[in-house]
Protein backbone atom coordinates (compact mmCIF):
# COMPACT_ATOMS: atom_id res chain seq x y z
CA UNK A 1 78.21 46.99 61.97
CA UNK A 2 79.18 48.75 58.78
CA UNK A 3 76.82 51.18 57.06
CA UNK A 4 75.18 48.52 54.90
CA UNK A 5 74.63 46.20 57.87
CA UNK A 6 73.31 49.01 60.03
CA UNK A 7 70.80 50.09 57.40
CA UNK A 8 69.57 46.51 57.00
CA UNK A 9 69.30 46.17 60.79
CA UNK A 10 67.25 49.36 61.09
CA UNK A 11 65.04 48.51 58.12
CA UNK A 12 64.23 45.14 59.71
CA UNK A 13 63.15 46.79 62.95
CA UNK A 14 61.13 49.44 61.13
CA UNK A 15 59.16 46.65 59.46
CA UNK A 16 58.60 44.97 62.83
CA UNK A 17 57.34 48.06 64.66
CA UNK A 18 55.72 50.13 61.90
CA UNK A 19 52.56 48.03 61.73
CA UNK A 20 48.92 48.34 62.74
CA UNK A 21 49.74 46.48 65.97
CA UNK A 22 51.76 49.52 67.09
CA UNK A 23 48.71 51.78 67.24
CA UNK A 24 46.73 50.38 70.17
CA UNK A 25 49.42 50.94 72.79
CA UNK A 26 50.69 54.26 71.46
CA UNK A 27 49.27 57.78 71.96
CA UNK A 28 48.55 57.93 68.22
CA UNK A 29 45.58 55.66 69.02
CA UNK A 30 43.77 58.73 70.36
CA UNK A 31 43.58 60.73 67.11
CA UNK A 32 43.03 57.43 65.25
CA UNK A 33 39.58 57.49 66.81
CA UNK A 34 38.53 60.41 64.60
CA UNK A 35 37.83 60.77 60.88
CA UNK A 36 37.30 64.50 60.27
CA UNK A 37 40.54 66.31 59.36
CA UNK A 38 40.19 69.00 62.01
CA UNK A 39 39.30 66.49 64.74
CA UNK A 40 42.41 64.50 63.84
CA UNK A 41 44.60 67.61 63.78
CA UNK A 42 43.38 68.92 67.13
CA UNK A 43 43.48 65.58 68.92
CA UNK A 44 46.87 64.69 67.41
CA UNK A 45 48.35 68.07 68.31
CA UNK A 46 47.03 68.09 71.85
CA UNK A 47 47.89 64.42 72.42
CA UNK A 48 51.45 64.91 71.23
CA UNK A 49 51.84 67.94 73.49
CA UNK A 50 50.76 65.80 76.46
CA UNK A 51 52.99 62.87 75.49
CA UNK A 52 55.38 62.58 78.32
CA UNK A 53 55.35 59.82 80.89
CA UNK A 54 53.95 56.30 80.53
CA UNK A 55 52.06 55.70 77.30
CA UNK A 56 49.04 54.13 79.02
CA UNK A 57 48.69 57.21 81.24
CA UNK A 58 49.02 59.55 78.25
CA UNK A 59 46.29 57.69 76.38
CA UNK A 60 43.95 57.69 79.38
CA UNK A 61 44.45 61.39 80.09
CA UNK A 62 43.90 62.36 76.46
CA UNK A 63 40.75 60.27 76.25
CA UNK A 64 39.58 62.05 79.40
CA UNK A 65 40.38 65.44 77.86
CA UNK A 66 38.47 64.82 74.65
CA UNK A 67 35.53 63.29 76.47
CA UNK A 68 35.22 66.72 78.13
CA UNK A 69 34.83 68.06 74.58
CA UNK A 70 32.06 65.52 73.93
CA UNK A 71 34.51 63.61 71.71
CA UNK A 72 34.05 66.28 69.05
CA UNK A 73 37.07 68.55 69.58
CA UNK A 74 36.67 70.70 66.46
CA UNK A 75 33.00 71.40 67.08
CA UNK A 76 33.66 72.09 70.74
CA UNK A 77 36.57 74.46 70.07
CA UNK A 78 34.63 76.37 67.43
CA UNK A 79 31.30 76.63 69.25
CA UNK A 80 31.77 76.30 73.01
CA UNK A 81 30.73 79.08 75.38
CA UNK A 82 32.74 80.58 78.21
CA UNK A 83 30.77 78.57 80.79
CA UNK A 84 31.73 75.32 79.04
CA UNK A 85 35.36 75.86 80.02
CA UNK A 86 34.59 75.16 83.66
CA UNK A 87 34.36 71.45 82.91
CA UNK A 88 38.17 71.41 82.55
CA UNK A 89 38.83 72.71 86.06
CA UNK A 90 39.90 69.31 87.36
CA UNK A 91 41.78 68.19 84.26
CA UNK A 92 45.55 68.06 84.52
CA UNK A 93 48.42 65.94 83.29
CA UNK A 94 51.67 66.34 85.16
CA UNK A 95 52.49 70.07 84.82
CA UNK A 96 49.75 70.72 82.24
CA UNK A 97 46.96 72.38 84.19
CA UNK A 98 43.78 74.42 83.85
CA UNK A 99 45.52 77.65 82.75
CA UNK A 100 47.27 75.76 79.96
CA UNK A 101 44.06 74.08 78.84
CA UNK A 102 42.29 77.42 78.64
CA UNK A 103 45.01 78.92 76.49
CA UNK A 104 45.11 75.92 74.15
CA UNK A 105 41.34 76.29 73.73
CA UNK A 106 41.69 80.01 73.10
CA UNK A 107 44.47 79.67 70.55
CA UNK A 108 42.75 76.88 68.63
CA UNK A 109 39.44 78.78 68.62
CA UNK A 110 41.22 81.88 67.31
CA UNK A 111 43.15 79.91 64.72
CA UNK A 112 40.29 77.84 63.31
CA UNK A 113 38.08 80.90 63.02
CA UNK A 114 40.22 81.98 60.06
CA UNK A 115 41.93 78.75 58.92
CA UNK A 116 40.67 75.38 57.74
CA UNK A 117 43.73 73.31 58.64
CA UNK A 118 46.43 73.46 61.29
CA UNK A 119 48.94 72.53 58.58
CA UNK A 120 49.17 76.16 57.46
CA UNK A 121 50.42 77.15 60.93
CA UNK A 122 53.54 75.07 60.30
CA UNK A 123 54.46 76.36 56.84
CA UNK A 124 56.11 79.67 57.71
CA UNK A 125 59.80 79.00 57.09
CA UNK A 126 62.28 77.32 54.77
CA UNK A 127 62.90 74.23 56.89
CA UNK A 128 61.52 72.44 59.94
CA UNK A 129 63.72 74.40 62.34
CA UNK A 130 62.42 77.78 61.19
CA UNK A 131 58.87 76.47 60.89
CA UNK A 132 58.82 75.22 64.47
CA UNK A 133 60.34 78.47 65.70
CA UNK A 134 57.71 80.47 63.84
CA UNK A 135 54.90 78.21 65.04
CA UNK A 136 56.00 78.82 68.63
CA UNK A 137 55.82 82.56 68.03
CA UNK A 138 52.40 82.24 66.41
CA UNK A 139 51.05 80.09 69.21
CA UNK A 140 52.00 82.65 71.84
CA UNK A 141 51.05 85.69 69.79
CA UNK A 142 47.70 86.23 71.50
CA UNK A 143 47.64 89.10 73.96
CA UNK A 144 46.86 87.08 77.07
CA UNK A 145 49.26 84.16 76.44
CA UNK A 146 50.34 82.90 79.90
CA UNK A 147 54.06 82.58 80.45
CA UNK A 148 53.66 79.26 82.25
CA UNK A 149 52.22 77.62 79.11
CA UNK A 150 55.40 78.31 77.13
CA UNK A 151 57.05 75.21 78.54
CA UNK A 152 54.48 73.06 76.74
CA UNK A 153 55.30 74.28 73.21
CA UNK A 154 59.00 73.89 72.49
CA UNK A 155 61.16 75.84 70.06
CA UNK A 156 64.49 75.13 68.33
CA UNK A 157 65.35 78.75 69.13
CA UNK A 158 65.72 77.60 72.74
CA UNK A 159 67.76 74.56 71.59
CA UNK A 160 64.99 72.18 72.64
CA UNK A 161 64.76 68.78 70.94
CA UNK A 162 61.10 69.63 70.20
CA UNK A 163 60.40 65.91 70.56
CA UNK A 164 56.63 66.25 70.84
CA UNK A 165 56.28 68.70 67.95
CA UNK A 166 58.47 66.51 65.73
CA UNK A 167 56.35 63.51 66.65
CA UNK A 168 53.19 65.44 65.79
CA UNK A 169 54.63 66.37 62.39
CA UNK A 170 55.59 62.73 61.80
CA UNK A 171 52.03 61.69 62.52
CA UNK A 172 50.51 64.23 60.15
CA UNK A 173 53.02 64.12 57.28
CA UNK A 174 54.42 60.60 56.87
CA UNK A 175 52.47 58.42 54.48
CA UNK A 176 53.31 54.78 53.80
CA UNK A 177 51.49 51.51 53.32
CA UNK A 178 51.49 50.71 57.04
CA UNK A 179 49.05 53.59 57.69
CA UNK A 180 50.31 54.10 61.22
CA UNK A 181 51.03 57.77 60.53
CA UNK A 182 48.18 59.76 59.00
CA UNK A 183 49.89 61.30 55.97
CA UNK A 184 47.16 63.94 55.74
CA UNK A 185 49.40 66.96 55.23
CA UNK A 186 50.86 67.22 51.73
CA UNK A 187 52.36 70.72 51.83
CA UNK A 188 55.13 69.36 54.07
CA UNK A 189 57.67 66.83 52.77
CA UNK A 190 58.67 63.71 54.69
CA UNK A 191 62.25 64.42 53.66
CA UNK A 192 62.20 67.55 55.82
CA UNK A 193 60.94 65.91 59.00
CA UNK A 194 63.20 65.73 62.05
CA UNK A 195 63.58 62.78 64.41
CA UNK A 196 61.51 62.89 67.64
CA UNK A 197 64.41 62.51 70.05
CA UNK A 198 63.30 60.96 73.34
CA UNK A 199 65.33 59.04 75.90
CA UNK A 200 64.84 55.69 74.14
CA UNK A 201 65.82 56.97 70.70
CA UNK A 202 68.76 58.88 72.19
CA UNK A 203 70.13 55.83 74.00
CA UNK A 204 69.84 53.45 71.07
CA UNK A 205 71.20 55.98 68.56
CA UNK A 206 74.31 56.49 70.70
CA UNK A 207 74.93 52.76 71.06
CA UNK A 208 74.64 52.36 67.28
CA UNK A 209 77.07 55.22 66.69
CA UNK A 210 74.45 57.43 65.05
CA UNK A 211 74.71 60.20 67.62
CA UNK A 212 77.93 61.57 69.10
CA UNK A 213 76.90 64.89 70.61
CA UNK A 214 76.92 64.69 74.40
CA UNK A 215 73.87 66.85 75.01
CA UNK A 216 70.31 65.97 74.05
CA UNK A 217 69.20 69.16 72.29
CA UNK A 218 68.23 70.53 68.88
CA UNK A 219 71.76 70.12 67.53
CA UNK A 220 71.55 66.44 68.47
CA UNK A 221 68.27 66.17 66.54
CA UNK A 222 69.97 67.65 63.48
CA UNK A 223 72.98 65.33 63.82
CA UNK A 224 70.89 62.18 64.18
CA UNK A 225 68.45 63.12 61.42
CA UNK A 226 71.31 63.86 59.03
CA UNK A 227 72.83 60.46 59.77
CA UNK A 228 69.49 58.75 59.16
CA UNK A 229 69.15 60.61 55.85
CA UNK A 230 72.19 58.67 54.66
CA UNK A 231 70.00 55.55 54.80
CA UNK A 232 66.81 57.10 53.39
CA UNK A 233 66.95 60.79 52.40
CA UNK A 234 63.27 60.80 51.42
CA UNK A 235 61.97 59.44 54.73
CA UNK A 236 64.59 59.60 57.49
CA UNK A 237 62.18 59.63 60.43
CA UNK A 238 60.75 56.21 59.60
CA UNK A 239 63.73 54.97 61.63
CA UNK A 240 62.07 56.48 64.69
CA UNK A 241 60.10 53.23 64.81
CA UNK A 242 63.25 51.13 64.89
CA UNK A 243 65.14 53.23 67.43
CA UNK A 244 62.13 53.71 69.70
CA UNK A 245 61.12 50.06 69.43
CA UNK A 246 64.60 48.80 70.26
CA UNK A 247 64.72 51.14 73.26
CA UNK A 248 61.31 50.26 74.66
CA UNK A 249 61.90 46.55 74.17
CA UNK A 250 65.16 46.85 76.11
CA UNK A 251 67.32 45.42 73.37
CA UNK A 252 69.74 48.35 73.85
């Protein structure tokens, strides 16, 4: 396919996948259950950080997690007592365990005690790369931050794809008529978002000639996002729907 044909192909698949029907079977269905900004932010952030493995398992585990917060994550994080943390003793998802849960609770409690929105935690920097790097440093800036939890919050400084963080930013920033993504954050531009590069997106992008780099790392994210900007510089990550959808459906 030439560039014009490839753009038309991707646009068609964006329109197929980027619909309300996508929500029910995707982890974004978890934060879609909330209406308060802070509840959406917390549930979207935590859900995206737990988004590895089968989608049905991710959804079930996240619903379990927030049920332990009485399905009111912001109120729980702001007002819970030390004894309330014991209810998470048996909660785990793959390598995310009790120690990690406790630190997430501690960071979010600390953060929301002086900030109204998690958006401000992602605004320190000139671009998404520096903002994600600085967010990682902020997240682990508390004195008792456990080393083991660092694997759950990626950073471009370590050449990670930061797939889950980029997906979280897509959820919070993108705003279009489909209303799949929330579009609640307006201090961050959709044009600056980076593609959430998972195995499905990686495979399809390579077969379409959109990604040449052999490794799957931050440099690959930059390469693919820059190529997608040639099709839509204002909203390059909308093509995540097309690439992911084609991969999951097994068309590539």
